[in-house]
């Protein structure tokens, strides 16, 4: 999931703030979680980013498409993530 989010962050045109700032922020959090350096509230922050980058929040469909997979992964694997797996 992190590589996919990193791709979307890199390919952002940078026009709108939610995409320009939000996608790299999601990558930073995901990389920290991968290294076992996550902080309390990281998953909630990612969920919030998914809402802020959702449909109608940006100029185009880039960010909403980027966070769709992330949002789905959080919903589907929340228990494993909370358990540190």
N, C-alpha and C. Protein backbone atom coordinates (compact mmCIF):
# COMPACT_ATOMS: atom_id res chain seq x y z
N UNK A 1 0.82 -1.20 0.00
CA UNK A 1 0.00 0.00 0.00
C UNK A 1 0.86 1.26 0.00
N UNK A 2 1.96 1.23 0.72
CA UNK A 2 2.78 2.43 0.81
C UNK A 2 3.38 2.80 -0.54
N UNK A 3 3.83 1.82 -1.30
CA UNK A 3 4.40 2.12 -2.61
C UNK A 3 3.36 2.75 -3.53
N UNK A 4 2.12 2.29 -3.44
CA UNK A 4 1.05 2.86 -4.25
C UNK A 4 0.80 4.32 -3.85
N UNK A 5 0.72 4.57 -2.56
CA UNK A 5 0.51 5.95 -2.09
C UNK A 5 1.69 6.84 -2.47
N UNK A 6 2.89 6.28 -2.41
CA UNK A 6 4.08 7.04 -2.79
C UNK A 6 4.02 7.41 -4.28
N UNK A 7 3.56 6.50 -5.09
CA UNK A 7 3.39 6.79 -6.52
C UNK A 7 2.43 7.96 -6.71
N UNK A 8 1.28 7.89 -6.06
CA UNK A 8 0.29 8.96 -6.20
C UNK A 8 0.84 10.29 -5.69
N UNK A 9 1.56 10.27 -4.59
CA UNK A 9 2.14 11.51 -4.05
C UNK A 9 3.14 12.10 -5.04
N UNK A 10 3.95 11.25 -5.63
CA UNK A 10 4.97 11.71 -6.58
C UNK A 10 4.33 12.25 -7.86
N UNK A 11 3.23 11.67 -8.28
CA UNK A 11 2.58 12.06 -9.53
C UNK A 11 1.60 13.22 -9.38
N UNK A 12 1.39 13.70 -8.18
CA UNK A 12 0.50 14.84 -7.97
C UNK A 12 1.04 16.06 -8.71
N UNK A 13 0.15 16.82 -9.34
CA UNK A 13 0.60 18.03 -10.04
C UNK A 13 0.93 19.15 -9.07
N UNK A 14 0.43 19.05 -7.83
CA UNK A 14 0.72 20.06 -6.82
C UNK A 14 -0.20 21.26 -6.86
N UNK A 15 -1.22 21.22 -7.69
CA UNK A 15 -2.11 22.37 -7.84
C UNK A 15 -2.91 22.65 -6.56
N UNK A 16 -3.51 21.64 -5.98
CA UNK A 16 -4.34 21.91 -4.80
C UNK A 16 -3.64 21.42 -3.52
N UNK A 17 -3.85 22.16 -2.48
CA UNK A 17 -3.18 21.89 -1.20
C UNK A 17 -3.50 20.52 -0.63
N UNK A 18 -4.76 20.08 -0.63
CA UNK A 18 -5.03 18.76 -0.04
C UNK A 18 -4.18 17.65 -0.67
N UNK A 19 -4.08 17.66 -1.97
CA UNK A 19 -3.30 16.63 -2.66
C UNK A 19 -1.80 16.85 -2.45
N UNK A 20 -1.35 18.07 -2.65
CA UNK A 20 0.08 18.40 -2.56
C UNK A 20 0.64 18.08 -1.18
N UNK A 21 -0.13 18.38 -0.12
CA UNK A 21 0.35 18.16 1.24
C UNK A 21 -0.15 16.85 1.85
N UNK A 22 -1.37 16.47 1.52
CA UNK A 22 -1.98 15.31 2.15
C UNK A 22 -1.40 13.98 1.73
N UNK A 23 -1.14 13.83 0.43
CA UNK A 23 -0.60 12.54 -0.03
C UNK A 23 0.80 12.26 0.52
N UNK A 24 1.73 13.22 0.50
CA UNK A 24 3.03 12.95 1.12
C UNK A 24 2.92 12.68 2.62
N UNK A 25 1.98 13.33 3.27
CA UNK A 25 1.78 13.10 4.70
C UNK A 25 1.33 11.67 4.94
N UNK A 26 0.42 11.18 4.10
CA UNK A 26 -0.02 9.79 4.26
C UNK A 26 1.14 8.83 4.05
N UNK A 27 2.01 9.11 3.10
CA UNK A 27 3.19 8.26 2.85
C UNK A 27 4.11 8.27 4.07
N UNK A 28 4.33 9.43 4.65
CA UNK A 28 5.19 9.54 5.83
C UNK A 28 4.66 8.68 6.98
N UNK A 29 3.36 8.73 7.20
CA UNK A 29 2.75 7.93 8.27
C UNK A 29 2.86 6.45 7.95
N UNK A 30 2.56 6.07 6.72
CA UNK A 30 2.63 4.66 6.33
C UNK A 30 4.05 4.11 6.45
N UNK A 31 5.03 4.89 6.05
CA UNK A 31 6.43 4.44 6.17
C UNK A 31 6.81 4.25 7.65
N UNK A 32 6.38 5.15 8.50
CA UNK A 32 6.65 5.01 9.94
C UNK A 32 5.99 3.74 10.47
N UNK A 33 4.77 3.47 10.06
CA UNK A 33 4.08 2.25 10.50
C UNK A 33 4.83 1.01 10.02
N UNK A 34 5.32 1.03 8.79
CA UNK A 34 6.09 -0.10 8.26
C UNK A 34 7.34 -0.37 9.09
N UNK A 35 7.98 0.68 9.55
CA UNK A 35 9.20 0.54 10.35
C UNK A 35 8.91 0.21 11.81
N UNK A 36 7.63 0.13 12.17
CA UNK A 36 7.28 -0.12 13.56
C UNK A 36 7.40 1.11 14.43
N UNK A 37 7.40 2.28 13.81
CA UNK A 37 7.56 3.54 14.53
C UNK A 37 6.28 4.36 14.54
N UNK A 38 5.15 3.69 14.37
CA UNK A 38 3.88 4.40 14.37
C UNK A 38 3.58 5.03 15.72
N UNK A 39 2.77 6.05 15.67
CA UNK A 39 2.37 6.77 16.87
C UNK A 39 0.89 6.53 17.14
N UNK A 40 0.47 6.66 18.41
CA UNK A 40 -0.96 6.57 18.69
C UNK A 40 -1.71 7.61 17.85
N UNK A 41 -2.78 7.19 17.26
CA UNK A 41 -3.58 8.10 16.46
C UNK A 41 -3.23 8.12 14.98
N UNK A 42 -2.19 7.38 14.57
CA UNK A 42 -1.80 7.39 13.16
C UNK A 42 -2.91 6.87 12.25
N UNK A 43 -3.57 5.81 12.65
CA UNK A 43 -4.63 5.24 11.81
C UNK A 43 -5.78 6.23 11.70
N UNK A 44 -6.12 6.87 12.80
CA UNK A 44 -7.18 7.87 12.77
C UNK A 44 -6.79 9.04 11.87
N UNK A 45 -5.52 9.42 11.90
CA UNK A 45 -5.04 10.49 11.02
C UNK A 45 -5.16 10.07 9.56
N UNK A 46 -4.81 8.83 9.26
CA UNK A 46 -4.95 8.34 7.89
C UNK A 46 -6.42 8.33 7.46
N UNK A 47 -7.30 7.93 8.36
CA UNK A 47 -8.73 7.95 8.04
C UNK A 47 -9.20 9.38 7.77
N UNK A 48 -8.71 10.31 8.57
CA UNK A 48 -9.05 11.72 8.37
C UNK A 48 -8.53 12.21 7.01
N UNK A 49 -7.31 11.85 6.68
CA UNK A 49 -6.76 12.23 5.38
C UNK A 49 -7.61 11.66 4.24
N UNK A 50 -8.08 10.44 4.40
CA UNK A 50 -8.95 9.85 3.37
C UNK A 50 -10.21 10.69 3.18
N UNK A 51 -10.77 11.18 4.27
CA UNK A 51 -11.95 12.04 4.17
C UNK A 51 -11.60 13.38 3.53
N UNK A 52 -10.50 13.99 3.94
CA UNK A 52 -10.10 15.30 3.42
C UNK A 52 -9.70 15.25 1.95
N UNK A 53 -9.27 14.10 1.49
CA UNK A 53 -8.83 13.94 0.10
C UNK A 53 -9.88 13.25 -0.76
N UNK A 54 -11.06 13.07 -0.20
CA UNK A 54 -12.11 12.36 -0.91
C UNK A 54 -12.75 13.16 -2.02
N UNK A 55 -13.73 12.56 -2.67
CA UNK A 55 -14.42 13.22 -3.79
C UNK A 55 -14.98 14.59 -3.40
N UNK A 56 -14.78 15.55 -4.28
CA UNK A 56 -15.28 16.90 -4.06
C UNK A 56 -14.38 17.79 -3.22
N UNK A 57 -13.27 17.26 -2.75
CA UNK A 57 -12.36 18.04 -1.90
C UNK A 57 -11.16 18.59 -2.65
N UNK A 58 -10.96 18.11 -3.88
CA UNK A 58 -9.80 18.52 -4.67
C UNK A 58 -10.27 18.92 -6.07
N UNK A 59 -9.38 19.52 -6.85
CA UNK A 59 -9.74 19.98 -8.19
C UNK A 59 -9.97 18.84 -9.18
N UNK A 60 -9.32 17.72 -8.96
CA UNK A 60 -9.47 16.60 -9.90
C UNK A 60 -9.69 15.30 -9.11
N UNK A 61 -9.65 14.19 -9.80
CA UNK A 61 -9.91 12.89 -9.17
C UNK A 61 -8.63 12.19 -8.72
N UNK A 62 -7.49 12.84 -8.81
CA UNK A 62 -6.22 12.19 -8.46
C UNK A 62 -6.20 11.76 -6.99
N UNK A 63 -6.40 12.68 -6.09
CA UNK A 63 -6.34 12.36 -4.66
C UNK A 63 -7.45 11.40 -4.23
N UNK A 64 -8.71 11.63 -4.65
CA UNK A 64 -9.74 10.66 -4.27
C UNK A 64 -9.41 9.24 -4.74
N UNK A 65 -8.85 9.12 -5.93
CA UNK A 65 -8.43 7.80 -6.41
C UNK A 65 -7.29 7.24 -5.60
N UNK A 66 -6.39 8.11 -5.19
CA UNK A 66 -5.22 7.67 -4.42
C UNK A 66 -5.62 7.12 -3.06
N UNK A 67 -6.56 7.76 -2.41
CA UNK A 67 -6.90 7.34 -1.05
C UNK A 67 -7.96 6.25 -1.01
N UNK A 68 -8.56 5.94 -2.15
CA UNK A 68 -9.57 4.88 -2.18
C UNK A 68 -8.97 3.54 -1.73
N UNK A 69 -7.80 3.20 -2.25
CA UNK A 69 -7.15 1.95 -1.86
C UNK A 69 -6.73 1.99 -0.39
N UNK A 70 -6.23 3.12 0.05
CA UNK A 70 -5.83 3.26 1.46
C UNK A 70 -7.03 3.11 2.38
N UNK A 71 -8.12 3.77 2.04
CA UNK A 71 -9.32 3.69 2.87
C UNK A 71 -9.85 2.26 2.91
N UNK A 72 -9.84 1.59 1.78
CA UNK A 72 -10.27 0.19 1.72
C UNK A 72 -9.38 -0.71 2.57
N UNK A 73 -8.07 -0.49 2.51
CA UNK A 73 -7.14 -1.30 3.31
C UNK A 73 -7.36 -1.09 4.80
N UNK A 74 -7.59 0.15 5.20
CA UNK A 74 -7.84 0.43 6.62
C UNK A 74 -9.12 -0.26 7.07
N UNK A 75 -10.17 -0.16 6.26
CA UNK A 75 -11.44 -0.79 6.62
C UNK A 75 -11.31 -2.31 6.69
N UNK A 76 -10.61 -2.88 5.73
CA UNK A 76 -10.52 -4.34 5.63
C UNK A 76 -9.57 -4.96 6.64
N UNK A 77 -8.51 -4.25 7.00
CA UNK A 77 -7.47 -4.82 7.85
C UNK A 77 -7.25 -4.05 9.14
N UNK A 78 -8.25 -3.34 9.60
CA UNK A 78 -8.11 -2.51 10.79
C UNK A 78 -7.66 -3.33 12.00
N UNK A 79 -8.21 -4.51 12.17
CA UNK A 79 -7.83 -5.35 13.31
C UNK A 79 -6.36 -5.72 13.30
N UNK A 80 -5.85 -6.09 12.14
CA UNK A 80 -4.43 -6.45 12.02
C UNK A 80 -3.54 -5.25 12.26
N UNK A 81 -3.95 -4.10 11.76
CA UNK A 81 -3.16 -2.88 11.94
C UNK A 81 -3.13 -2.49 13.41
N UNK A 82 -4.28 -2.54 14.06
CA UNK A 82 -4.34 -2.21 15.48
C UNK A 82 -3.50 -3.16 16.32
N UNK A 83 -3.39 -4.42 15.86
CA UNK A 83 -2.61 -5.41 16.60
C UNK A 83 -1.12 -5.32 16.27
N UNK A 84 -0.77 -4.44 15.35
CA UNK A 84 0.64 -4.27 14.99
C UNK A 84 1.10 -5.25 13.94
N UNK A 85 0.17 -5.86 13.21
CA UNK A 85 0.55 -6.86 12.22
C UNK A 85 0.56 -6.40 10.84
